[in-house]
Amino acid sequence: MAVSELTQSDVDKVANERMIIMETKTLEIQVQRMYRFESDRPLKAFADIIINDALLIKGIKVLEGKNGLFVSMPQEQAKDKKWYDSVRCLTQDAREQVTEAVLSVYKEG
């Protein structure tokens, strides 16, 4: 079916299906790649994850801080030379699920 042949009903159906997927409480998170570093520096690894077989996030960092390991989302440097997250978890639950998935794979390896 060509895009021009889609009816409003078709568009609404797809939009509703997408909203249901994104509203699920449990995200299906697959760590696609984990690149570890062997050093005394705070940066311990980079990870790429796939969420719900629909979204790829590249460049998640595993860092060692004062309170242990934590996950940092990808960042970009702006013209003002400050770093800003380019991907942000909108809920604490989503953030915890991403952190748990990435750190569990990191610790396995």
C-alpha atoms as a PDB file:
ATOM      1  CA  MET A   1       0.000   0.000   0.000  1.00  0.00           C
ATOM      2  CA  ALA A   2       1.437   3.385  -0.993  1.00  0.00           C
ATOM      3  CA  VAL A   3       1.607   6.186   1.553  1.00  0.00           C
ATOM      4  CA  SER A   4      -0.899   8.203  -0.464  1.00  0.00           C
ATOM      5  CA  GLU A   5      -3.391   5.331  -0.133  1.00  0.00           C
ATOM      6  CA  LEU A   6      -3.402   5.385   3.671  1.00  0.00           C
ATOM      7  CA  THR A   7      -6.606   6.492   5.283  1.00  0.00           C
ATOM      8  CA  GLN A   8      -6.869   8.374   8.569  1.00  0.00           C
ATOM      9  CA  SER A   9      -8.103   5.126  10.111  1.00  0.00           C
ATOM     10  CA  ASP A  10      -4.873   3.370   9.018  1.00  0.00           C
ATOM     11  CA  VAL A  11      -2.750   6.168  10.455  1.00  0.00           C
ATOM     12  CA  ASP A  12      -4.678   6.131  13.749  1.00  0.00           C
ATOM     13  CA  LYS A  13      -4.308   2.345  14.022  1.00  0.00           C
ATOM     14  CA  VAL A  14      -0.525   2.504  13.577  1.00  0.00           C
ATOM     15  CA  ALA A  15      -0.242   5.402  16.030  1.00  0.00           C
ATOM     16  CA  ASN A  16      -2.254   3.493  18.643  1.00  0.00           C
ATOM     17  CA  GLU A  17      -0.081   0.387  18.196  1.00  0.00           C
ATOM     18  CA  ARG A  18       3.066   2.483  18.664  1.00  0.00           C
ATOM     19  CA  MET A  19       1.653   4.129  21.805  1.00  0.00           C
ATOM     20  CA  ILE A  20       0.817   0.724  23.289  1.00  0.00           C
ATOM     21  CA  ILE A  21       4.378  -0.470  22.654  1.00  0.00           C
ATOM     22  CA  MET A  22       5.900   2.615  24.287  1.00  0.00           C
ATOM     23  CA  GLU A  23       3.488   2.497  27.254  1.00  0.00           C
ATOM     24  CA  THR A  24       4.517  -0.992  28.305  1.00  0.00           C
ATOM     25  CA  LYS A  25       5.953  -0.941  31.809  1.00  0.00           C
ATOM     26  CA  THR A  26       8.735  -3.389  31.024  1.00  0.00           C
ATOM     27  CA  LEU A  27      11.066  -2.404  28.233  1.00  0.00           C
ATOM     28  CA  GLU A  28      12.674  -5.183  26.246  1.00  0.00           C
ATOM     29  CA  ILE A  29      16.303  -4.070  26.349  1.00  0.00           C
ATOM     30  CA  GLN A  30      18.976  -5.965  24.465  1.00  0.00           C
ATOM     31  CA  VAL A  31      22.620  -4.962  24.806  1.00  0.00           C
ATOM     32  CA  GLN A  32      23.841  -5.199  21.229  1.00  0.00           C
ATOM     33  CA  ARG A  33      27.481  -4.301  21.865  1.00  0.00           C
ATOM     34  CA  MET A  34      29.704  -3.781  24.919  1.00  0.00           C
ATOM     35  CA  TYR A  35      33.192  -2.386  24.315  1.00  0.00           C
ATOM     36  CA  ARG A  36      35.217  -2.549  27.537  1.00  0.00           C
ATOM     37  CA  PHE A  37      38.327  -0.573  28.456  1.00  0.00           C
ATOM     38  CA  GLU A  38      41.062  -1.948  30.710  1.00  0.00           C
ATOM     39  CA  SER A  39      42.380   1.125  32.516  1.00  0.00           C
ATOM     40  CA  ASP A  40      42.301   3.050  35.780  1.00  0.00           C
ATOM     41  CA  ARG A  41      40.240   5.812  34.197  1.00  0.00           C
ATOM     42  CA  PRO A  42      36.579   6.397  35.125  1.00  0.00           C
ATOM     43  CA  LEU A  43      35.310   5.359  31.646  1.00  0.00           C
ATOM     44  CA  LYS A  44      34.926   1.581  31.783  1.00  0.00           C
ATOM     45  CA  ALA A  45      32.891   0.761  28.646  1.00  0.00           C
ATOM     46  CA  PHE A  46      30.684   1.910  25.788  1.00  0.00           C
ATOM     47  CA  ALA A  47      27.420   0.078  25.076  1.00  0.00           C
ATOM     48  CA  ASP A  48      24.811   0.067  22.322  1.00  0.00           C
ATOM     49  CA  ILE A  49      21.292  -1.076  23.227  1.00  0.00           C
ATOM     50  CA  ILE A  50      18.110  -1.974  21.346  1.00  0.00           C
ATOM     51  CA  ILE A  51      14.770  -1.182  23.011  1.00  0.00           C
ATOM     52  CA  ASN A  52      11.631  -3.141  22.082  1.00  0.00           C
ATOM     53  CA  ASP A  53      13.240  -4.196  18.776  1.00  0.00           C
ATOM     54  CA  ALA A  54      12.425  -0.674  17.585  1.00  0.00           C
ATOM     55  CA  LEU A  55      15.030   1.794  18.867  1.00  0.00           C
ATOM     56  CA  LEU A  56      18.843   1.647  18.766  1.00  0.00           C
ATOM     57  CA  ILE A  57      20.800   3.839  21.191  1.00  0.00           C
ATOM     58  CA  LYS A  58      24.544   3.992  20.566  1.00  0.00           C
ATOM     59  CA  GLY A  59      27.249   5.363  22.819  1.00  0.00           C
ATOM     60  CA  ILE A  60      25.961   4.703  26.326  1.00  0.00           C
ATOM     61  CA  LYS A  61      28.863   4.980  28.787  1.00  0.00           C
ATOM     62  CA  VAL A  62      29.629   2.841  31.823  1.00  0.00           C
ATOM     63  CA  LEU A  63      31.539   4.960  34.330  1.00  0.00           C
ATOM     64  CA  GLU A  64      33.114   4.370  37.748  1.00  0.00           C
ATOM     65  CA  GLY A  65      32.178   7.120  40.192  1.00  0.00           C
ATOM     66  CA  LYS A  66      32.615   7.741  43.904  1.00  0.00           C
ATOM     67  CA  ASN A  67      29.583   5.556  44.625  1.00  0.00           C
ATOM     68  CA  GLY A  68      30.362   2.768  42.144  1.00  0.00           C
ATOM     69  CA  LEU A  69      29.376   2.032  38.558  1.00  0.00           C
ATOM     70  CA  PHE A  70      26.749   4.098  36.770  1.00  0.00           C
ATOM     71  CA  VAL A  71      25.407   4.574  33.242  1.00  0.00           C
ATOM     72  CA  SER A  72      25.557   7.824  31.285  1.00  0.00           C
ATOM     73  CA  MET A  73      23.422   8.380  28.207  1.00  0.00           C
ATOM     74  CA  PRO A  74      25.030   9.640  24.955  1.00  0.00           C
ATOM     75  CA  GLN A  75      25.959  13.322  24.911  1.00  0.00           C
ATOM     76  CA  GLU A  76      26.788  15.987  22.356  1.00  0.00           C
ATOM     77  CA  GLN A  77      28.866  19.105  22.809  1.00  0.00           C
ATOM     78  CA  ALA A  78      26.999  22.286  21.923  1.00  0.00           C
ATOM     79  CA  LYS A  79      28.376  25.546  20.569  1.00  0.00           C
ATOM     80  CA  ASP A  80      28.622  26.846  24.139  1.00  0.00           C
ATOM     81  CA  LYS A  81      31.148  24.006  24.782  1.00  0.00           C
ATOM     82  CA  LYS A  82      28.826  22.368  27.343  1.00  0.00           C
ATOM     83  CA  TRP A  83      27.792  18.734  27.077  1.00  0.00           C
ATOM     84  CA  TYR A  84      24.095  17.843  26.776  1.00  0.00           C
ATOM     85  CA  ASP A  85      22.337  14.467  26.743  1.00  0.00           C
ATOM     86  CA  SER A  86      21.233  13.565  23.229  1.00  0.00           C
ATOM     87  CA  VAL A  87      19.033  10.761  24.611  1.00  0.00           C
ATOM     88  CA  ARG A  88      17.062  11.060  27.831  1.00  0.00           C
ATOM     89  CA  CYS A  89      14.928   8.568  29.748  1.00  0.00           C
ATOM     90  CA  LEU A  90      11.666  10.324  30.518  1.00  0.00           C
ATOM     91  CA  THR A  91      10.775   8.198  33.534  1.00  0.00           C
ATOM     92  CA  GLN A  92      12.778   6.941  36.486  1.00  0.00           C
ATOM     93  CA  ASP A  93      11.522   3.426  35.741  1.00  0.00           C
ATOM     94  CA  ALA A  94      12.901   3.517  32.185  1.00  0.00           C
ATOM     95  CA  ARG A  95      16.219   4.880  33.484  1.00  0.00           C
ATOM     96  CA  GLU A  96      16.468   2.058  36.034  1.00  0.00           C
ATOM     97  CA  GLN A  97      15.702  -0.604  33.413  1.00  0.00           C
ATOM     98  CA  VAL A  98      18.380   0.734  31.046  1.00  0.00           C
ATOM     99  CA  THR A  99      20.919   0.967  33.874  1.00  0.00           C
ATOM    100  CA  GLU A 100      20.148  -2.555  35.104  1.00  0.00           C
ATOM    101  CA  ALA A 101      20.409  -4.082  31.609  1.00  0.00           C
ATOM    102  CA  VAL A 102      23.695  -2.362  30.746  1.00  0.00           C
ATOM    103  CA  LEU A 103      25.400  -2.954  34.098  1.00  0.00           C
ATOM    104  CA  SER A 104      24.376  -6.622  34.254  1.00  0.00           C
ATOM    105  CA  VAL A 105      26.000  -7.280  30.857  1.00  0.00           C
ATOM    106  CA  TYR A 106      29.060  -5.242  31.867  1.00  0.00           C
ATOM    107  CA  LYS A 107      29.500  -7.239  35.099  1.00  0.00           C
ATOM    108  CA  GLU A 108      29.098 -10.583  33.278  1.00  0.00           C
ATOM    109  CA  GLY A 109      32.022  -9.943  31.092  1.00  0.00           C
END
